[in-house]
């Protein structure tokens, strides 16, 4: 579990090394392998510094990493436990994609289960190496585990759950697969036969346009305008536009609480503009 304040062990470590230790743990947990290049690429340090940092981490957590001569990297051991990071996939993507920063803020805990690293690792590898994967997957339409061959291209967080966007050979279509419903990953099945460039739902962009719920009073609507940084149009309306991939439209509407109409304007607060409703209608279930 992530700590709410610095532990005595963390307090004795420099901010630079603590940042690097978090990076080491997250990459080891989710990618299954850490090298000096991991730190060189993400932290911009020299090779000797990266080696020293990894050695320092191994001294702090002697049971977490083992060196593998064949892969020329450090692998998470069977006894691996996160010490300096939360171990969540959210933090991994933040550290590796957005960089590491120190904030004075309190992030709310996600209530959904964190994906299994044993599932995520081969998926990340397949995305990087453009491979097909043999998986066992359960869905509401097929609750029993079913084997699928997929060609994954992107991990997606919809705000509450993690998905992988992939070509499904069973359905002959690009689909979203919830990571927690992948029961097993059996292995790679050769090179992927499709790419993200062929995913029309992924590459088509739509515009979600919102405005204050007309059931609100004028003063309440002004608050909503401030909350969503809406801008005034030439028609004297206040609107906010969001560019959205077509494949992610339903998740965006759910996050904006626009997937259904609430009985009270105070609960709804925003609504799609009439023009947007007409434009999005062909893409809604």
Protein backbone atom coordinates (compact mmCIF):
# COMPACT_ATOMS: atom_id res chain seq x y z
CA UNK A 1 0.00 0.00 0.00
CA UNK A 2 1.30 3.51 -0.71
CA UNK A 3 2.41 5.42 2.32
CA UNK A 4 0.66 8.67 3.30
CA UNK A 5 3.94 10.20 4.50
CA UNK A 6 7.63 9.43 4.22
CA UNK A 7 8.74 6.35 6.13
CA UNK A 8 11.96 6.39 8.16
CA UNK A 9 13.58 4.36 5.38
CA UNK A 10 12.47 6.88 2.73
CA UNK A 11 13.58 9.84 4.86
CA UNK A 12 17.15 8.54 4.84
CA UNK A 13 17.23 8.45 1.02
CA UNK A 14 17.89 11.47 -1.19
CA UNK A 15 14.94 12.75 -3.27
CA UNK A 16 16.78 11.79 -6.48
CA UNK A 17 17.38 8.22 -5.34
CA UNK A 18 13.86 7.88 -3.96
CA UNK A 19 12.50 8.93 -7.35
CA UNK A 20 14.75 6.38 -9.03
CA UNK A 21 13.77 3.62 -6.58
CA UNK A 22 10.11 4.19 -7.42
CA UNK A 23 11.00 3.97 -11.09
CA UNK A 24 12.91 0.73 -10.53
CA UNK A 25 10.03 -0.87 -8.64
CA UNK A 26 7.37 0.09 -11.14
CA UNK A 27 9.34 -1.00 -14.19
CA UNK A 28 10.32 -4.28 -12.51
CA UNK A 29 6.74 -4.96 -11.44
CA UNK A 30 5.02 -4.15 -14.72
CA UNK A 31 7.66 -4.76 -17.40
CA UNK A 32 9.44 -7.60 -15.62
CA UNK A 33 12.97 -6.31 -16.24
CA UNK A 34 15.10 -3.32 -15.18
CA UNK A 35 18.41 -2.24 -16.70
CA UNK A 36 20.74 0.71 -16.28
CA UNK A 37 19.27 2.04 -19.53
CA UNK A 38 15.91 2.26 -17.74
CA UNK A 39 17.31 4.98 -15.48
CA UNK A 40 19.51 6.56 -18.15
CA UNK A 41 16.50 7.06 -20.44
CA UNK A 42 14.05 8.28 -17.80
CA UNK A 43 16.30 10.22 -15.45
CA UNK A 44 18.97 11.38 -17.88
CA UNK A 45 21.79 10.18 -15.64
CA UNK A 46 25.14 8.62 -16.56
CA UNK A 47 25.63 4.85 -16.70
CA UNK A 48 27.86 4.82 -13.62
CA UNK A 49 25.21 6.75 -11.70
CA UNK A 50 22.46 4.39 -12.88
CA UNK A 51 24.49 1.35 -11.79
CA UNK A 52 25.10 2.96 -8.40
CA UNK A 53 21.39 3.68 -7.94
CA UNK A 54 20.41 0.11 -8.78
CA UNK A 55 23.02 -1.19 -6.36
CA UNK A 56 21.63 1.14 -3.69
CA UNK A 57 18.12 -0.16 -4.32
CA UNK A 58 19.30 -3.77 -4.05
CA UNK A 59 20.93 -2.96 -0.72
CA UNK A 60 17.71 -1.35 0.52
CA UNK A 61 15.54 -4.21 -0.81
CA UNK A 62 17.86 -7.24 -1.03
CA UNK A 63 15.09 -9.74 -1.82
CA UNK A 64 13.41 -7.88 -4.67
CA UNK A 65 15.69 -8.17 -7.71
CA UNK A 66 17.87 -10.88 -9.20
CA UNK A 67 20.32 -10.38 -12.04
CA UNK A 68 19.69 -12.43 -15.18
CA UNK A 69 22.74 -12.89 -17.40
CA UNK A 70 20.74 -14.01 -20.43
CA UNK A 71 18.50 -10.92 -20.48
CA UNK A 72 21.28 -8.69 -19.10
CA UNK A 73 18.91 -7.09 -16.63
CA UNK A 74 17.42 -7.31 -13.16
CA UNK A 75 14.23 -9.34 -12.83
CA UNK A 76 11.67 -9.23 -10.00
CA UNK A 77 12.16 -12.20 -7.68
CA UNK A 78 9.37 -14.42 -6.40
CA UNK A 79 9.64 -12.51 -3.11
CA UNK A 80 9.33 -9.10 -4.80
CA UNK A 81 7.37 -6.54 -2.79
CA UNK A 82 6.95 -2.82 -3.47
CA UNK A 83 8.59 -0.64 -0.83
CA UNK A 84 8.97 2.83 -2.30
CA UNK A 85 5.97 2.96 -4.64
CA UNK A 86 2.29 2.07 -4.68
CA UNK A 87 2.77 -0.72 -7.19
CA UNK A 88 -0.30 0.40 -9.15
CA UNK A 89 -0.48 0.53 -12.92
CA UNK A 90 -1.60 4.16 -12.65
CA UNK A 91 1.65 5.16 -10.97
CA UNK A 92 3.65 3.13 -13.51
CA UNK A 93 2.12 5.05 -16.42
CA UNK A 94 2.65 8.36 -14.63
CA UNK A 95 6.28 7.62 -13.86
CA UNK A 96 7.18 6.24 -17.27
CA UNK A 97 5.05 8.50 -19.49
CA UNK A 98 4.66 11.75 -17.62
CA UNK A 99 7.81 11.82 -15.53
CA UNK A 100 8.08 12.02 -11.77
CA UNK A 101 7.24 15.15 -9.81
CA UNK A 102 6.72 15.98 -6.15
CA UNK A 103 3.21 17.26 -5.42
CA UNK A 104 1.43 18.38 -2.27
CA UNK A 105 -1.84 16.67 -3.09
CA UNK A 106 -3.95 13.73 -2.03
CA UNK A 107 -4.90 11.37 -4.87
CA UNK A 108 -8.14 9.47 -4.26
CA UNK A 109 -7.73 5.73 -4.22
CA UNK A 110 -9.19 3.87 -7.16
CA UNK A 111 -11.87 1.45 -6.01
CA UNK A 112 -11.39 -1.01 -8.86
CA UNK A 113 -8.84 -3.78 -8.51
CA UNK A 114 -5.39 -3.18 -9.89
CA UNK A 115 -4.53 -5.39 -12.89
CA UNK A 116 -2.34 -8.43 -12.35
CA UNK A 117 1.27 -7.78 -13.40
CA UNK A 118 1.41 -11.34 -14.76
CA UNK A 119 -1.25 -10.27 -17.26
CA UNK A 120 0.08 -6.78 -17.99
CA UNK A 121 3.71 -7.77 -18.64
CA UNK A 122 3.10 -9.97 -21.70
CA UNK A 123 0.58 -7.45 -23.02
CA UNK A 124 3.10 -4.61 -22.77
CA UNK A 125 5.67 -6.84 -24.46
CA UNK A 126 3.23 -7.72 -27.24
CA UNK A 127 2.42 -4.05 -27.80
CA UNK A 128 6.10 -3.12 -27.96
CA UNK A 129 7.08 -6.04 -30.19
CA UNK A 130 3.82 -6.06 -32.24
CA UNK A 131 2.85 -9.63 -31.41
CA UNK A 132 -0.36 -11.65 -31.32
CA UNK A 133 -1.37 -13.06 -27.93
CA UNK A 134 -3.36 -16.13 -26.96
CA UNK A 135 -5.52 -15.21 -23.96
CA UNK A 136 -8.41 -16.56 -21.92
CA UNK A 137 -11.11 -13.91 -21.52
CA UNK A 138 -14.48 -13.74 -19.79
CA UNK A 139 -17.18 -11.20 -20.63
CA UNK A 140 -20.84 -10.61 -19.79
CA UNK A 141 -21.88 -12.13 -23.11
CA UNK A 142 -19.51 -15.09 -22.57
CA UNK A 143 -19.06 -15.44 -18.78
CA UNK A 144 -17.17 -18.68 -19.15
CA UNK A 145 -13.50 -18.32 -19.99
CA UNK A 146 -12.98 -18.29 -23.73
CA UNK A 147 -9.76 -18.41 -25.70
CA UNK A 148 -9.05 -15.43 -27.93
CA UNK A 149 -6.19 -14.41 -30.17
CA UNK A 150 -5.66 -10.67 -29.94
CA UNK A 151 -3.22 -8.13 -31.36
CA UNK A 152 -2.97 -5.40 -28.69
CA UNK A 153 -1.86 -1.88 -29.49
CA UNK A 154 -2.75 0.41 -26.54
CA UNK A 155 -3.50 0.30 -22.82
CA UNK A 156 -6.45 2.49 -21.83
CA UNK A 157 -7.58 3.73 -18.42
CA UNK A 158 -11.22 4.82 -18.58
CA UNK A 159 -11.07 6.48 -15.18
CA UNK A 160 -12.02 3.42 -13.16
CA UNK A 161 -10.78 0.36 -15.05
CA UNK A 162 -7.91 -0.64 -17.30
CA UNK A 163 -8.52 -1.98 -20.81
CA UNK A 164 -6.34 -3.05 -23.66
CA UNK A 165 -7.38 -1.99 -27.15
CA UNK A 166 -6.73 -4.89 -29.50
CA UNK A 167 -7.74 -6.64 -32.70
CA UNK A 168 -9.85 -9.69 -31.85
CA UNK A 169 -9.51 -12.54 -34.32
CA UNK A 170 -12.67 -14.20 -32.99
CA UNK A 171 -14.86 -11.16 -33.71
CA UNK A 172 -12.75 -9.83 -36.59
CA UNK A 173 -12.89 -6.37 -35.09
CA UNK A 174 -11.02 -4.03 -32.78
CA UNK A 175 -12.35 -4.39 -29.24
CA UNK A 176 -11.66 -3.23 -25.68
CA UNK A 177 -10.67 -5.99 -23.27
CA UNK A 178 -10.93 -5.31 -19.52
CA UNK A 179 -7.60 -6.37 -18.02
CA UNK A 180 -9.16 -7.82 -14.87
CA UNK A 181 -11.25 -10.18 -17.03
CA UNK A 182 -8.24 -11.67 -18.78
CA UNK A 183 -7.95 -14.96 -16.91
CA UNK A 184 -4.66 -16.06 -18.45
CA UNK A 185 -2.11 -15.15 -21.11
CA UNK A 186 -0.80 -18.33 -22.73
CA UNK A 187 1.87 -16.76 -24.88
CA UNK A 188 2.75 -15.05 -28.13
CA UNK A 189 1.39 -16.40 -31.42
CA UNK A 190 3.68 -14.72 -33.90
CA UNK A 191 3.61 -11.27 -35.44
CA UNK A 192 0.50 -9.10 -35.21
CA UNK A 193 -1.54 -9.00 -38.40
CA UNK A 194 -3.03 -5.58 -37.67
CA UNK A 195 -1.79 -2.25 -36.33
CA UNK A 196 -3.28 0.74 -34.53
CA UNK A 197 -3.33 2.56 -37.87
CA UNK A 198 -6.04 0.16 -39.04
CA UNK A 199 -8.24 0.77 -36.00
CA UNK A 200 -10.86 3.18 -37.35
CA UNK A 201 -12.57 3.58 -33.98
CA UNK A 202 -9.26 4.54 -32.43
CA UNK A 203 -8.18 6.95 -35.14
CA UNK A 204 -11.48 8.74 -35.69
CA UNK A 205 -11.88 11.81 -33.49
CA UNK A 206 -15.24 13.16 -32.35
CA UNK A 207 -16.14 16.31 -30.43
CA UNK A 208 -18.11 16.18 -27.19
CA UNK A 209 -19.67 19.60 -26.54
CA UNK A 210 -21.24 20.39 -23.17
CA UNK A 211 -23.19 23.29 -21.71
CA UNK A 212 -24.88 23.94 -18.34
CA UNK A 213 -28.08 22.01 -17.69
CA UNK A 214 -30.95 24.32 -18.63
CA UNK A 215 -32.86 23.22 -15.51
CA UNK A 216 -30.37 25.08 -13.32
CA UNK A 217 -30.89 28.65 -12.19
CA UNK A 218 -28.82 31.39 -13.82
CA UNK A 219 -26.51 31.65 -10.80
CA UNK A 220 -26.07 27.86 -10.71
CA UNK A 221 -25.25 27.80 -14.41
CA UNK A 222 -22.53 30.42 -13.82
CA UNK A 223 -20.90 28.08 -11.30
CA UNK A 224 -20.96 25.23 -13.81
CA UNK A 225 -19.37 27.52 -16.41
CA UNK A 226 -16.51 28.13 -13.97
CA UNK A 227 -16.21 24.44 -13.00
CA UNK A 228 -15.78 23.34 -16.62
CA UNK A 229 -13.97 26.43 -17.97
CA UNK A 230 -16.68 26.97 -20.56
CA UNK A 231 -16.30 29.73 -23.12
CA UNK A 232 -18.95 32.07 -24.44
CA UNK A 233 -20.01 31.58 -28.06
CA UNK A 234 -21.21 34.17 -30.54
CA UNK A 235 -24.75 33.01 -29.70
CA UNK A 236 -24.17 34.02 -26.05
CA UNK A 237 -24.07 30.40 -24.91
CA UNK A 238 -21.39 28.90 -22.70
CA UNK A 239 -19.87 25.72 -24.12
CA UNK A 240 -16.86 23.45 -23.61
CA UNK A 241 -15.55 21.14 -26.35
CA UNK A 242 -13.63 17.89 -25.75
CA UNK A 243 -11.86 16.00 -28.57
CA UNK A 244 -12.47 12.28 -28.03
CA UNK A 245 -11.45 9.13 -29.86
CA UNK A 246 -14.57 7.34 -31.10
CA UNK A 247 -13.50 4.15 -29.35
CA UNK A 248 -13.42 6.03 -26.03
CA UNK A 249 -16.67 7.97 -26.45
CA UNK A 250 -18.78 5.91 -24.05
CA UNK A 251 -16.12 6.14 -21.32
CA UNK A 252 -15.94 9.91 -21.73
CA UNK A 253 -19.71 10.23 -21.41
CA UNK A 254 -19.67 8.03 -18.31
CA UNK A 255 -16.94 10.13 -16.69
CA UNK A 256 -18.89 13.31 -17.44
CA UNK A 257 -22.04 11.63 -16.06
CA UNK A 258 -23.71 12.06 -19.43
CA UNK A 259 -24.43 8.38 -20.03
CA UNK A 260 -27.92 8.89 -18.60
CA UNK A 261 -30.22 11.76 -17.61
CA UNK A 262 -30.47 12.51 -13.89
CA UNK A 263 -33.85 13.57 -12.51
CA UNK A 264 -32.54 16.80 -11.01
CA UNK A 265 -30.52 19.50 -12.70
CA UNK A 266 -28.33 19.85 -9.61
CA UNK A 267 -27.27 16.23 -10.02
CA UNK A 268 -26.82 16.46 -13.79
CA UNK A 269 -25.18 19.93 -13.94
CA UNK A 270 -24.11 19.61 -17.59
CA UNK A 271 -25.68 18.34 -20.79
CA UNK A 272 -24.66 17.75 -24.37
CA UNK A 273 -25.50 20.59 -26.71
CA UNK A 274 -28.33 19.77 -29.10
CA UNK A 275 -25.90 19.91 -32.03
CA UNK A 276 -23.57 17.47 -30.29
CA UNK A 277 -26.41 15.06 -29.49
CA UNK A 278 -27.29 14.85 -33.18
CA UNK A 279 -23.65 14.45 -34.24
CA UNK A 280 -22.93 11.67 -31.74
CA UNK A 281 -26.17 9.73 -32.18
CA UNK A 282 -24.75 7.36 -34.88
CA UNK A 283 -21.91 6.35 -32.55
CA UNK A 284 -23.92 5.63 -29.40
CA UNK A 285 -25.16 2.15 -28.44
